[in-house]
Amino acid sequence: MLLPPRGGQHPGESLGDAVRREVDEETGLTVTVERLLWLREYIGAHHDHPVQEANTHRIEAIFLCTPTTDPGQLGGHAQDEVQTGLEWVPLGKVPTLNLLPQAIRHPIASLTEAPDSYLGDVA
């Protein structure tokens, strides 16, 4: 299972600063935040584990970023406890990966098109 870098925003921290910090912590990359691509809403009670995730409701902002350091040199200093590794993959390969959330696989692969910005309540 693959997950894009994710994390929380600190009080007083802009979204762009949070993205830069989280990407650095989890991958070791420095990035320029280009623009907001999508908002993902996840209401746990509507998906695979409705009882266990009954109180889960997340809003996730997914940004287009450009690395300003070498993406071949991956290795964050504050990886998530479930993180087992890092991999840089071509956009065309993304639909074939077990990437979560699954709903962003095809939009990521087709970034040259103009997708909707709100993905809705998706798993």
PDB file of N, CA and C in Angstrom:
ATOM      1  N   MET A   1       0.847  -1.170   0.000  1.00  0.00           N
ATOM      2  CA  MET A   1       0.000   0.000   0.000  1.00  0.00           C
ATOM      3  C   MET A   1       0.892   1.231   0.000  1.00  0.00           C
ATOM      4  N   LEU A   2       0.585   2.179  -0.849  1.00  0.00           N
ATOM      5  CA  LEU A   2       1.326   3.424  -0.953  1.00  0.00           C
ATOM      6  C   LEU A   2       0.452   4.570  -0.485  1.00  0.00           C
ATOM      7  N   LEU A   3       1.059   5.469   0.243  1.00  0.00           N
ATOM      8  CA  LEU A   3       0.368   6.672   0.691  1.00  0.00           C
ATOM      9  C   LEU A   3       1.215   7.878   0.338  1.00  0.00           C
ATOM     10  N   PRO A   4       0.593   8.939  -0.160  1.00  0.00           N
ATOM     11  CA  PRO A   4       1.363  10.172  -0.329  1.00  0.00           C
ATOM     12  C   PRO A   4       1.692  10.746   1.046  1.00  0.00           C
ATOM     13  N   PRO A   5       2.711  11.608   1.138  1.00  0.00           N
ATOM     14  CA  PRO A   5       2.996  12.231   2.438  1.00  0.00           C
ATOM     15  C   PRO A   5       1.745  12.889   2.986  1.00  0.00           C
ATOM     16  N   ARG A   6       1.532  12.743   4.275  1.00  0.00           N
ATOM     17  CA  ARG A   6       0.352  13.323   4.895  1.00  0.00           C
ATOM     18  C   ARG A   6       0.673  13.677   6.330  1.00  0.00           C
ATOM     19  N   GLY A   7      -0.164  14.526   6.885  1.00  0.00           N
ATOM     20  CA  GLY A   7       0.040  14.902   8.272  1.00  0.00           C
ATOM     21  C   GLY A   7      -0.848  16.058   8.649  1.00  0.00           C
ATOM     22  N   GLY A   8      -0.640  16.541   9.837  1.00  0.00           N
ATOM     23  CA  GLY A   8      -1.475  17.612  10.353  1.00  0.00           C
ATOM     24  C   GLY A   8      -0.835  18.971  10.197  1.00  0.00           C
ATOM     25  N   GLN A   9      -1.683  19.957  10.290  1.00  0.00           N
ATOM     26  CA  GLN A   9      -1.267  21.348  10.221  1.00  0.00           C
ATOM     27  C   GLN A   9      -1.140  21.875  11.645  1.00  0.00           C
ATOM     28  N   HIS A  10      -0.037  22.547  11.938  1.00  0.00           N
ATOM     29  CA  HIS A  10       0.155  23.132  13.263  1.00  0.00           C
ATOM     30  C   HIS A  10      -0.626  24.442  13.373  1.00  0.00           C
ATOM     31  N   PRO A  11      -1.070  24.804  14.573  1.00  0.00           N
ATOM     32  CA  PRO A  11      -1.764  26.088  14.752  1.00  0.00           C
ATOM     33  C   PRO A  11      -0.895  27.243  14.246  1.00  0.00           C
ATOM     34  N   GLY A  12      -1.469  28.116  13.455  1.00  0.00           N
ATOM     35  CA  GLY A  12      -0.756  29.274  12.920  1.00  0.00           C
ATOM     36  C   GLY A  12       0.084  28.974  11.686  1.00  0.00           C
ATOM     37  N   GLU A  13       0.134  27.717  11.261  1.00  0.00           N
ATOM     38  CA  GLU A  13       0.937  27.325  10.099  1.00  0.00           C
ATOM     39  C   GLU A  13       0.066  27.395   8.841  1.00  0.00           C
ATOM     40  N   SER A  14       0.579  28.003   7.789  1.00  0.00           N
ATOM     41  CA  SER A  14      -0.180  28.038   6.532  1.00  0.00           C
ATOM     42  C   SER A  14      -0.206  26.641   5.924  1.00  0.00           C
ATOM     43  N   LEU A  15      -1.163  26.400   5.029  1.00  0.00           N
ATOM     44  CA  LEU A  15      -1.232  25.108   4.354  1.00  0.00           C
ATOM     45  C   LEU A  15       0.051  24.830   3.571  1.00  0.00           C
ATOM     46  N   GLY A  16       0.559  25.827   2.872  1.00  0.00           N
ATOM     47  CA  GLY A  16       1.796  25.649   2.109  1.00  0.00           C
ATOM     48  C   GLY A  16       2.964  25.267   2.994  1.00  0.00           C
ATOM     49  N   ASP A  17       3.083  25.934   4.147  1.00  0.00           N
ATOM     50  CA  ASP A  17       4.159  25.598   5.083  1.00  0.00           C
ATOM     51  C   ASP A  17       3.982  24.187   5.639  1.00  0.00           C
ATOM     52  N   ALA A  18       2.748  23.787   5.906  1.00  0.00           N
ATOM     53  CA  ALA A  18       2.482  22.440   6.414  1.00  0.00           C
ATOM     54  C   ALA A  18       2.870  21.392   5.368  1.00  0.00           C
ATOM     55  N   VAL A  19       2.541  21.646   4.105  1.00  0.00           N
ATOM     56  CA  VAL A  19       2.898  20.718   3.031  1.00  0.00           C
ATOM     57  C   VAL A  19       4.411  20.575   2.944  1.00  0.00           C
ATOM     58  N   ARG A  20       5.121  21.707   2.909  1.00  0.00           N
ATOM     59  CA  ARG A  20       6.592  21.660   2.828  1.00  0.00           C
ATOM     60  C   ARG A  20       7.185  20.893   4.002  1.00  0.00           C
ATOM     61  N   ARG A  21       6.693  21.162   5.203  1.00  0.00           N
ATOM     62  CA  ARG A  21       7.216  20.492   6.400  1.00  0.00           C
ATOM     63  C   ARG A  21       6.945  18.996   6.349  1.00  0.00           C
ATOM     64  N   GLU A  22       5.718  18.608   6.042  1.00  0.00           N
ATOM     65  CA  GLU A  22       5.355  17.188   6.022  1.00  0.00           C
ATOM     66  C   GLU A  22       6.135  16.420   4.950  1.00  0.00           C
ATOM     67  N   VAL A  23       6.277  16.998   3.773  1.00  0.00           N
ATOM     68  CA  VAL A  23       7.044  16.333   2.718  1.00  0.00           C
ATOM     69  C   VAL A  23       8.492  16.171   3.160  1.00  0.00           C
ATOM     70  N   ASP A  24       9.071  17.202   3.750  1.00  0.00           N
ATOM     71  CA  ASP A  24      10.454  17.116   4.243  1.00  0.00           C
ATOM     72  C   ASP A  24      10.582  16.046   5.321  1.00  0.00           C
ATOM     73  N   GLU A  25       9.670  16.050   6.290  1.00  0.00           N
ATOM     74  CA  GLU A  25       9.744  15.080   7.385  1.00  0.00           C
ATOM     75  C   GLU A  25       9.663  13.639   6.884  1.00  0.00           C
ATOM     76  N   GLU A  26       8.762  13.380   5.941  1.00  0.00           N
ATOM     77  CA  GLU A  26       8.499  12.004   5.527  1.00  0.00           C
ATOM     78  C   GLU A  26       9.355  11.528   4.358  1.00  0.00           C
ATOM     79  N   THR A  27       9.878  12.470   3.547  1.00  0.00           N
ATOM     80  CA  THR A  27      10.648  12.050   2.373  1.00  0.00           C
ATOM     81  C   THR A  27      12.056  12.613   2.326  1.00  0.00           C
ATOM     82  N   GLY A  28      12.302  13.686   3.072  1.00  0.00           N
ATOM     83  CA  GLY A  28      13.593  14.361   2.992  1.00  0.00           C
ATOM     84  C   GLY A  28      13.685  15.341   1.836  1.00  0.00           C
ATOM     85  N   LEU A  29      12.620  15.478   1.048  1.00  0.00           N
ATOM     86  CA  LEU A  29      12.626  16.388  -0.096  1.00  0.00           C
ATOM     87  C   LEU A  29      12.214  17.797   0.314  1.00  0.00           C
ATOM     88  N   THR A  30      12.830  18.767  -0.331  1.00  0.00           N
ATOM     89  CA  THR A  30      12.380  20.146  -0.254  1.00  0.00           C
ATOM     90  C   THR A  30      11.558  20.388  -1.511  1.00  0.00           C
ATOM     91  N   VAL A  31      10.378  20.974  -1.354  1.00  0.00           N
ATOM     92  CA  VAL A  31       9.489  21.188  -2.495  1.00  0.00           C
ATOM     93  C   VAL A  31       8.999  22.625  -2.548  1.00  0.00           C
ATOM     94  N   THR A  32       8.617  23.013  -3.761  1.00  0.00           N
ATOM     95  CA  THR A  32       7.865  24.242  -3.970  1.00  0.00           C
ATOM     96  C   THR A  32       6.412  23.828  -4.129  1.00  0.00           C
ATOM     97  N   VAL A  33       5.540  24.413  -3.350  1.00  0.00           N
ATOM     98  CA  VAL A  33       4.111  24.108  -3.436  1.00  0.00           C
ATOM     99  C   VAL A  33       3.544  24.955  -4.565  1.00  0.00           C
ATOM    100  N   GLU A  34       3.046  24.271  -5.605  1.00  0.00           N
ATOM    101  CA  GLU A  34       2.562  24.970  -6.800  1.00  0.00           C
ATOM    102  C   GLU A  34       1.109  25.426  -6.654  1.00  0.00           C
ATOM    103  N   ARG A  35       0.215  24.448  -6.388  1.00  0.00           N
ATOM    104  CA  ARG A  35      -1.208  24.811  -6.302  1.00  0.00           C
ATOM    105  C   ARG A  35      -1.995  23.664  -5.678  1.00  0.00           C
ATOM    106  N   LEU A  36      -3.170  24.010  -5.177  1.00  0.00           N
ATOM    107  CA  LEU A  36      -4.096  23.014  -4.657  1.00  0.00           C
ATOM    108  C   LEU A  36      -4.683  22.251  -5.830  1.00  0.00           C
ATOM    109  N   LEU A  37      -4.624  20.916  -5.762  1.00  0.00           N
ATOM    110  CA  LEU A  37      -5.219  20.088  -6.805  1.00  0.00           C
ATOM    111  C   LEU A  37      -6.618  19.645  -6.419  1.00  0.00           C
ATOM    112  N   TRP A  38      -6.739  19.031  -5.242  1.00  0.00           N
ATOM    113  CA  TRP A  38      -8.010  18.440  -4.849  1.00  0.00           C
ATOM    114  C   TRP A  38      -8.216  18.549  -3.349  1.00  0.00           C
ATOM    115  N   LEU A  39      -9.485  18.549  -2.960  1.00  0.00           N
ATOM    116  CA  LEU A  39      -9.865  18.355  -1.568  1.00  0.00           C
ATOM    117  C   LEU A  39     -10.497  16.981  -1.481  1.00  0.00           C
ATOM    118  N   ARG A  40     -10.069  16.206  -0.499  1.00  0.00           N
ATOM    119  CA  ARG A  40     -10.647  14.880  -0.287  1.00  0.00           C
ATOM    120  C   ARG A  40     -11.332  14.895   1.072  1.00  0.00           C
ATOM    121  N   GLU A  41     -12.570  14.450   1.088  1.00  0.00           N
ATOM    122  CA  GLU A  41     -13.299  14.306   2.338  1.00  0.00           C
ATOM    123  C   GLU A  41     -13.451  12.821   2.610  1.00  0.00           C
ATOM    124  N   TYR A  42     -13.210  12.421   3.845  1.00  0.00           N
ATOM    125  CA  TYR A  42     -13.346  11.014   4.226  1.00  0.00           C
ATOM    126  C   TYR A  42     -14.192  10.937   5.482  1.00  0.00           C
ATOM    127  N   ILE A  43     -15.368  10.332   5.353  1.00  0.00           N
ATOM    128  CA  ILE A  43     -16.266  10.116   6.483  1.00  0.00           C
ATOM    129  C   ILE A  43     -16.249   8.617   6.742  1.00  0.00           C
ATOM    130  N   GLY A  44     -15.540   8.207   7.789  1.00  0.00           N
ATOM    131  CA  GLY A  44     -15.292   6.796   8.057  1.00  0.00           C
ATOM    132  C   GLY A  44     -16.541   5.937   8.145  1.00  0.00           C
ATOM    133  N   ALA A  45     -17.617   6.466   8.672  1.00  0.00           N
ATOM    134  CA  ALA A  45     -18.859   5.696   8.829  1.00  0.00           C
ATOM    135  C   ALA A  45     -19.452   5.270   7.494  1.00  0.00           C
ATOM    136  N   HIS A  46     -19.008   5.867   6.396  1.00  0.00           N
ATOM    137  CA  HIS A  46     -19.549   5.558   5.075  1.00  0.00           C
ATOM    138  C   HIS A  46     -18.725   4.529   4.311  1.00  0.00           C
ATOM    139  N   HIS A  47     -17.652   4.016   4.901  1.00  0.00           N
ATOM    140  CA  HIS A  47     -16.718   3.205   4.123  1.00  0.00           C
ATOM    141  C   HIS A  47     -16.469   1.829   4.742  1.00  0.00           C
ATOM    142  N   ASP A  48     -15.319   1.245   4.499  1.00  0.00           N
ATOM    143  CA  ASP A  48     -15.031  -0.153   4.810  1.00  0.00           C
ATOM    144  C   ASP A  48     -15.178  -0.570   6.272  1.00  0.00           C
ATOM    145  N   HIS A  49     -14.897   0.309   7.195  1.00  0.00           N
ATOM    146  CA  HIS A  49     -14.937  -0.035   8.621  1.00  0.00           C
ATOM    147  C   HIS A  49     -15.826   0.964   9.370  1.00  0.00           C
ATOM    148  N   PRO A  50     -17.138   0.948   9.079  1.00  0.00           N
ATOM    149  CA  PRO A  50     -18.019   1.984   9.617  1.00  0.00           C
ATOM    150  C   PRO A  50     -18.108   2.005  11.136  1.00  0.00           C
ATOM    151  N   VAL A  51     -17.999   0.860  11.788  1.00  0.00           N
ATOM    152  CA  VAL A  51     -18.089   0.846  13.247  1.00  0.00           C
ATOM    153  C   VAL A  51     -16.805   1.399  13.861  1.00  0.00           C
ATOM    154  N   GLN A  52     -15.658   0.891  13.404  1.00  0.00           N
ATOM    155  CA  GLN A  52     -14.379   1.328  13.956  1.00  0.00           C
ATOM    156  C   GLN A  52     -14.075   2.792  13.628  1.00  0.00           C
ATOM    157  N   GLU A  53     -14.563   3.267  12.480  1.00  0.00           N
ATOM    158  CA  GLU A  53     -14.253   4.632  12.052  1.00  0.00           C
ATOM    159  C   GLU A  53     -15.475   5.551  12.121  1.00  0.00           C
ATOM    160  N   ALA A  54     -16.421   5.214  12.983  1.00  0.00           N
ATOM    161  CA  ALA A  54     -17.657   5.995  13.082  1.00  0.00           C
ATOM    162  C   ALA A  54     -17.392   7.462  13.400  1.00  0.00           C
ATOM    163  N   ASN A  55     -16.339   7.747  14.168  1.00  0.00           N
ATOM    164  CA  ASN A  55     -16.033   9.124  14.560  1.00  0.00           C
ATOM    165  C   ASN A  55     -14.924   9.751  13.722  1.00  0.00           C
ATOM    166  N   THR A  56     -14.563   9.117  12.613  1.00  0.00           N
ATOM    167  CA  THR A  56     -13.509   9.640  11.753  1.00  0.00           C
ATOM    168  C   THR A  56     -14.115  10.508  10.658  1.00  0.00           C
ATOM    169  N   HIS A  57     -13.644  11.731  10.576  1.00  0.00           N
ATOM    170  CA  HIS A  57     -14.050  12.644   9.509  1.00  0.00           C
ATOM    171  C   HIS A  57     -12.847  13.535   9.226  1.00  0.00           C
ATOM    172  N   ARG A  58     -12.262  13.352   8.038  1.00  0.00           N
ATOM    173  CA  ARG A  58     -11.066  14.101   7.666  1.00  0.00           C
ATOM    174  C   ARG A  58     -11.309  14.888   6.381  1.00  0.00           C
ATOM    175  N   ILE A  59     -10.684  16.036   6.326  1.00  0.00           N
ATOM    176  CA  ILE A  59     -10.611  16.830   5.110  1.00  0.00           C
ATOM    177  C   ILE A  59      -9.130  16.902   4.769  1.00  0.00           C
ATOM    178  N   GLU A  60      -8.769  16.472   3.557  1.00  0.00           N
ATOM    179  CA  GLU A  60      -7.364  16.457   3.151  1.00  0.00           C
ATOM    180  C   GLU A  60      -7.192  17.329   1.917  1.00  0.00           C
ATOM    181  N   ALA A  61      -6.202  18.191   1.950  1.00  0.00           N
ATOM    182  CA  ALA A  61      -5.863  19.042   0.818  1.00  0.00           C
ATOM    183  C   ALA A  61      -4.662  18.412   0.105  1.00  0.00           C
ATOM    184  N   ILE A  62      -4.802  18.197  -1.196  1.00  0.00           N
ATOM    185  CA  ILE A  62      -3.761  17.540  -1.983  1.00  0.00           C
ATOM    186  C   ILE A  62      -3.194  18.578  -2.950  1.00  0.00           C
ATOM    187  N   PHE A  63      -1.893  18.834  -2.821  1.00  0.00           N
ATOM    188  CA  PHE A  63      -1.234  19.887  -3.579  1.00  0.00           C
ATOM    189  C   PHE A  63      -0.290  19.331  -4.629  1.00  0.00           C
ATOM    190  N   LEU A  64      -0.133  20.073  -5.723  1.00  0.00           N
ATOM    191  CA  LEU A  64       0.901  19.809  -6.710  1.00  0.00           C
ATOM    192  C   LEU A  64       2.170  20.478  -6.203  1.00  0.00           C
ATOM    193  N   CYS A  65       3.244  19.709  -6.112  1.00  0.00           N
ATOM    194  CA  CYS A  65       4.522  20.230  -5.637  1.00  0.00           C
ATOM    195  C   CYS A  65       5.625  19.885  -6.624  1.00  0.00           C
ATOM    196  N   THR A  66       6.642  20.727  -6.673  1.00  0.00           N
ATOM    197  CA  THR A  66       7.818  20.476  -7.495  1.00  0.00           C
ATOM    198  C   THR A  66       9.011  20.322  -6.569  1.00  0.00           C
ATOM    199  N   PRO A  67       9.743  19.196  -6.680  1.00  0.00           N
ATOM    200  CA  PRO A  67      10.927  19.033  -5.832  1.00  0.00           C
ATOM    201  C   PRO A  67      12.006  20.049  -6.203  1.00  0.00           C
ATOM    202  N   THR A  68      12.641  20.606  -5.197  1.00  0.00           N
ATOM    203  CA  THR A  68      13.769  21.509  -5.435  1.00  0.00           C
ATOM    204  C   THR A  68      15.070  20.856  -4.986  1.00  0.00           C
ATOM    205  N   THR A  69      14.966  19.650  -4.433  1.00  0.00           N
ATOM    206  CA  THR A  69      16.144  18.843  -4.128  1.00  0.00           C
ATOM    207  C   THR A  69      16.012  17.545  -4.909  1.00  0.00           C
ATOM    208  N   ASP A  70      17.058  16.746  -4.939  1.00  0.00           N
ATOM    209  CA  ASP A  70      17.125  15.540  -5.762  1.00  0.00           C
ATOM    210  C   ASP A  70      16.138  14.479  -5.296  1.00  0.00           C
ATOM    211  N   PRO A  71      15.098  14.163  -6.122  1.00  0.00           N
ATOM    212  CA  PRO A  71      14.128  13.145  -5.716  1.00  0.00           C
ATOM    213  C   PRO A  71      14.730  11.746  -5.646  1.00  0.00           C
ATOM    214  N   GLY A  72      15.938  11.581  -6.159  1.00  0.00           N
ATOM    215  CA  GLY A  72      16.621  10.303  -6.046  1.00  0.00           C
ATOM    216  C   GLY A  72      17.209  10.068  -4.665  1.00  0.00           C
ATOM    217  N   GLN A  73      17.229  11.110  -3.862  1.00  0.00           N
ATOM    218  CA  GLN A  73      17.788  11.034  -2.507  1.00  0.00           C
ATOM    219  C   GLN A  73      16.662  11.093  -1.477  1.00  0.00           C
ATOM    220  N   LEU A  74      15.867  10.033  -1.412  1.00  0.00           N
ATOM    221  CA  LEU A  74      14.729  10.003  -0.500  1.00  0.00           C
ATOM    222  C   LEU A  74      15.150   9.478   0.862  1.00  0.00           C
ATOM    223  N   GLY A  75      14.578  10.036   1.913  1.00  0.00           N
ATOM    224  CA  GLY A  75      14.828   9.573   3.267  1.00  0.00           C
ATOM    225  C   GLY A  75      14.469  10.626   4.282  1.00  0.00           C
ATOM    226  N   GLY A  76      13.256  10.556   4.782  1.00  0.00           N
ATOM    227  CA  GLY A  76      12.795  11.545   5.751  1.00  0.00           C
ATOM    228  C   GLY A  76      13.345  11.279   7.136  1.00  0.00           C
ATOM    229  N   HIS A  77      13.283  12.289   7.987  1.00  0.00           N
ATOM    230  CA  HIS A  77      13.789  12.185   9.354  1.00  0.00           C
ATOM    231  C   HIS A  77      12.688  11.978  10.389  1.00  0.00           C
ATOM    232  N   ALA A  78      11.430  12.064   9.962  1.00  0.00           N
ATOM    233  CA  ALA A  78      10.303  11.881  10.884  1.00  0.00           C
ATOM    234  C   ALA A  78       9.207  11.099  10.175  1.00  0.00           C
ATOM    235  N   GLN A  79       9.532   9.890   9.754  1.00  0.00           N
ATOM    236  CA  GLN A  79       8.574   9.081   9.018  1.00  0.00           C
ATOM    237  C   GLN A  79       7.429   8.646   9.929  1.00  0.00           C
ATOM    238  N   ASP A  80       6.254   8.411   9.298  1.00  0.00           N
ATOM    239  CA  ASP A  80       5.106   7.887  10.039  1.00  0.00           C
ATOM    240  C   ASP A  80       5.441   6.497  10.551  1.00  0.00           C
ATOM    241  N   GLU A  81       4.807   6.095  11.666  1.00  0.00           N
ATOM    242  CA  GLU A  81       5.091   4.794  12.261  1.00  0.00           C
ATOM    243  C   GLU A  81       4.734   3.625  11.354  1.00  0.00           C
ATOM    244  N   VAL A  82       3.831   3.822  10.408  1.00  0.00           N
ATOM    245  CA  VAL A  82       3.447   2.746   9.486  1.00  0.00           C
ATOM    246  C   VAL A  82       4.221   2.805   8.169  1.00  0.00           C
ATOM    247  N   GLN A  83       5.086   3.793   8.024  1.00  0.00           N
ATOM    248  CA  GLN A  83       5.845   3.956   6.788  1.00  0.00           C
ATOM    249  C   GLN A  83       6.960   2.918   6.722  1.00  0.00           C
ATOM    250  N   THR A  84       7.004   2.172   5.617  1.00  0.00           N
ATOM    251  CA  THR A  84       8.017   1.123   5.463  1.00  0.00           C
ATOM    252  C   THR A  84       9.045   1.451   4.395  1.00  0.00           C
ATOM    253  N   GLY A  85       8.830   2.494   3.628  1.00  0.00           N
ATOM    254  CA  GLY A  85       9.779   2.852   2.590  1.00  0.00           C
ATOM    255  C   GLY A  85       9.290   4.011   1.756  1.00  0.00           C
ATOM    256  N   LEU A  86      10.125   4.406   0.804  1.00  0.00           N
ATOM    257  CA  LEU A  86       9.810   5.507  -0.099  1.00  0.00           C
ATOM    258  C   LEU A  86      10.102   5.060  -1.513  1.00  0.00           C
ATOM    259  N   GLU A  87       9.277   5.514  -2.450  1.00  0.00           N
ATOM    260  CA  GLU A  87       9.497   5.168  -3.850  1.00  0.00           C
ATOM    261  C   GLU A  87       9.034   6.317  -4.729  1.00  0.00           C
ATOM    262  N   TRP A  88       9.856   6.700  -5.688  1.00  0.00           N
ATOM    263  CA  TRP A  88       9.509   7.709  -6.677  1.00  0.00           C
ATOM    264  C   TRP A  88       9.024   6.958  -7.897  1.00  0.00           C
ATOM    265  N   VAL A  89       7.786   7.216  -8.354  1.00  0.00           N
ATOM    266  CA  VAL A  89       7.230   6.469  -9.486  1.00  0.00           C
ATOM    267  C   VAL A  89       6.755   7.430 -10.570  1.00  0.00           C
ATOM    268  N   PRO A  90       6.840   6.992 -11.837  1.00  0.00           N
ATOM    269  CA  PRO A  90       6.312   7.819 -12.929  1.00  0.00           C
ATOM    270  C   PRO A  90       4.786   7.954 -12.813  1.00  0.00           C
ATOM    271  N   LEU A  91       4.255   9.101 -13.221  1.00  0.00           N
ATOM    272  CA  LEU A  91       2.807   9.332 -13.126  1.00  0.00           C
ATOM    273  C   LEU A  91       2.009   8.250 -13.839  1.00  0.00           C
ATOM    274  N   GLY A  92       2.493   7.761 -14.966  1.00  0.00           N
ATOM    275  CA  GLY A  92       1.766   6.749 -15.721  1.00  0.00           C
ATOM    276  C   GLY A  92       1.619   5.430 -14.993  1.00  0.00           C
ATOM    277  N   LYS A  93       2.481   5.166 -14.017  1.00  0.00           N
ATOM    278  CA  LYS A  93       2.423   3.914 -13.254  1.00  0.00           C
ATOM    279  C   LYS A  93       1.427   3.996 -12.088  1.00  0.00           C
ATOM    280  N   VAL A  94       1.046   5.183 -11.698  1.00  0.00           N
ATOM    281  CA  VAL A  94       0.212   5.386 -10.511  1.00  0.00           C
ATOM    282  C   VAL A  94      -1.102   4.587 -10.526  1.00  0.00           C
ATOM    283  N   PRO A  95      -1.843   4.495 -11.663  1.00  0.00           N
ATOM    284  CA  PRO A  95      -3.104   3.740 -11.628  1.00  0.00           C
ATOM    285  C   PRO A  95      -2.932   2.253 -11.305  1.00  0.00           C
ATOM    286  N   THR A  96      -1.747   1.712 -11.499  1.00  0.00           N
ATOM    287  CA  THR A  96      -1.528   0.285 -11.248  1.00  0.00           C
ATOM    288  C   THR A  96      -1.081   0.013  -9.814  1.00  0.00           C
ATOM    289  N   LEU A  97      -0.865   1.045  -9.034  1.00  0.00           N
ATOM    290  CA  LEU A  97      -0.360   0.899  -7.668  1.00  0.00           C
ATOM    291  C   LEU A  97      -1.497   0.799  -6.657  1.00  0.00           C
ATOM    292  N   ASN A  98      -1.209   0.176  -5.532  1.00  0.00           N
ATOM    293  CA  ASN A  98      -2.155   0.134  -4.424  1.00  0.00           C
ATOM    294  C   ASN A  98      -1.971   1.416  -3.612  1.00  0.00           C
ATOM    295  N   LEU A  99      -2.389   2.523  -4.188  1.00  0.00           N
ATOM    296  CA  LEU A  99      -2.223   3.847  -3.605  1.00  0.00           C
ATOM    297  C   LEU A  99      -3.488   4.236  -2.871  1.00  0.00           C
ATOM    298  N   LEU A 100      -3.323   4.752  -1.668  1.00  0.00           N
ATOM    299  CA  LEU A 100      -4.465   5.239  -0.897  1.00  0.00           C
ATOM    300  C   LEU A 100      -4.367   6.742  -0.726  1.00  0.00           C
ATOM    301  N   PRO A 101      -5.447   7.452  -0.866  1.00  0.00           N
ATOM    302  CA  PRO A 101      -6.777   6.960  -1.202  1.00  0.00           C
ATOM    303  C   PRO A 101      -6.843   6.533  -2.665  1.00  0.00           C
ATOM    304  N   GLN A 102      -7.575   5.457  -2.929  1.00  0.00           N
ATOM    305  CA  GLN A 102      -7.668   4.903  -4.272  1.00  0.00           C
ATOM    306  C   GLN A 102      -8.248   5.899  -5.275  1.00  0.00           C
ATOM    307  N   ALA A 103      -9.119   6.753  -4.816  1.00  0.00           N
ATOM    308  CA  ALA A 103      -9.797   7.693  -5.716  1.00  0.00           C
ATOM    309  C   ALA A 103      -8.849   8.684  -6.377  1.00  0.00           C
ATOM    310  N   ILE A 104      -7.622   8.845  -5.884  1.00  0.00           N
ATOM    311  CA  ILE A 104      -6.711   9.811  -6.503  1.00  0.00           C
ATOM    312  C   ILE A 104      -5.754   9.180  -7.505  1.00  0.00           C
ATOM    313  N   ARG A 105      -5.799   7.854  -7.679  1.00  0.00           N
ATOM    314  CA  ARG A 105      -4.866   7.207  -8.614  1.00  0.00           C
ATOM    315  C   ARG A 105      -5.002   7.760 -10.027  1.00  0.00           C
ATOM    316  N   HIS A 106      -6.188   7.738 -10.577  1.00  0.00           N
ATOM    317  CA  HIS A 106      -6.367   8.206 -11.957  1.00  0.00           C
ATOM    318  C   HIS A 106      -6.217   9.726 -12.078  1.00  0.00           C
ATOM    319  N   PRO A 107      -6.741  10.526 -11.154  1.00  0.00           N
ATOM    320  CA  PRO A 107      -6.486  11.968 -11.257  1.00  0.00           C
ATOM    321  C   PRO A 107      -4.990  12.314 -11.204  1.00  0.00           C
ATOM    322  N   ILE A 108      -4.215  11.617 -10.385  1.00  0.00           N
ATOM    323  CA  ILE A 108      -2.774  11.883 -10.334  1.00  0.00           C
ATOM    324  C   ILE A 108      -2.139  11.554 -11.683  1.00  0.00           C
ATOM    325  N   ALA A 109      -2.515  10.414 -12.256  1.00  0.00           N
ATOM    326  CA  ALA A 109      -1.922   9.985 -13.523  1.00  0.00           C
ATOM    327  C   ALA A 109      -2.276  10.920 -14.674  1.00  0.00           C
ATOM    328  N   SER A 110      -3.376  11.626 -14.561  1.00  0.00           N
ATOM    329  CA  SER A 110      -3.808  12.504 -15.657  1.00  0.00           C
ATOM    330  C   SER A 110      -3.736  13.975 -15.255  1.00  0.00           C
ATOM    331  N   LEU A 111      -2.644  14.375 -14.636  1.00  0.00           N
ATOM    332  CA  LEU A 111      -2.506  15.754 -14.169  1.00  0.00           C
ATOM    333  C   LEU A 111      -2.492  16.783 -15.298  1.00  0.00           C
ATOM    334  N   THR A 112      -2.310  16.364 -16.516  1.00  0.00           N
ATOM    335  CA  THR A 112      -2.339  17.321 -17.622  1.00  0.00           C
ATOM    336  C   THR A 112      -3.759  17.744 -17.969  1.00  0.00           C
ATOM    337  N   GLU A 113      -4.746  16.985 -17.509  1.00  0.00           N
ATOM    338  CA  GLU A 113      -6.143  17.360 -17.715  1.00  0.00           C
ATOM    339  C   GLU A 113      -6.580  18.277 -16.579  1.00  0.00           C
ATOM    340  N   ALA A 114      -7.777  18.792 -16.642  1.00  0.00           N
ATOM    341  CA  ALA A 114      -8.281  19.701 -15.610  1.00  0.00           C
ATOM    342  C   ALA A 114      -9.344  18.983 -14.777  1.00  0.00           C
ATOM    343  N   PRO A 115      -8.938  18.205 -13.739  1.00  0.00           N
ATOM    344  CA  PRO A 115      -9.919  17.492 -12.924  1.00  0.00           C
ATOM    345  C   PRO A 115     -10.679  18.435 -11.987  1.00  0.00           C
ATOM    346  N   ASP A 116     -11.805  17.945 -11.486  1.00  0.00           N
ATOM    347  CA  ASP A 116     -12.543  18.694 -10.478  1.00  0.00           C
ATOM    348  C   ASP A 116     -11.683  18.816  -9.230  1.00  0.00           C
ATOM    349  N   SER A 117     -11.879  19.869  -8.463  1.00  0.00           N
ATOM    350  CA  SER A 117     -11.077  20.092  -7.267  1.00  0.00           C
ATOM    351  C   SER A 117     -11.637  19.404  -6.035  1.00  0.00           C
ATOM    352  N   TYR A 118     -12.921  19.069  -6.016  1.00  0.00           N
ATOM    353  CA  TYR A 118     -13.530  18.428  -4.862  1.00  0.00           C
ATOM    354  C   TYR A 118     -13.798  16.974  -5.194  1.00  0.00           C
ATOM    355  N   LEU A 119     -13.141  16.047  -4.496  1.00  0.00           N
ATOM    356  CA  LEU A 119     -13.315  14.630  -4.749  1.00  0.00           C
ATOM    357  C   LEU A 119     -14.507  14.046  -4.019  1.00  0.00           C
ATOM    358  N   GLY A 120     -15.026  14.740  -3.018  1.00  0.00           N
ATOM    359  CA  GLY A 120     -16.167  14.245  -2.264  1.00  0.00           C
ATOM    360  C   GLY A 120     -15.765  13.289  -1.159  1.00  0.00           C
ATOM    361  N   ASP A 121     -16.699  12.545  -0.650  1.00  0.00           N
ATOM    362  CA  ASP A 121     -16.491  11.598   0.436  1.00  0.00           C
ATOM    363  C   ASP A 121     -16.054  10.279  -0.181  1.00  0.00           C
ATOM    364  N   VAL A 122     -14.753  10.086  -0.297  1.00  0.00           N
ATOM    365  CA  VAL A 122     -14.223   8.901  -0.968  1.00  0.00           C
ATOM    366  C   VAL A 122     -13.241   8.164  -0.078  1.00  0.00           C
ATOM    367  N   ALA A 123     -13.146   6.841  -0.288  1.00  0.00           N
ATOM    368  CA  ALA A 123     -12.210   6.003   0.461  1.00  0.00           C
ATOM    369  C   ALA A 123     -10.896   5.915  -0.263  1.00  0.00           C
TER     370      ALA A 123
END
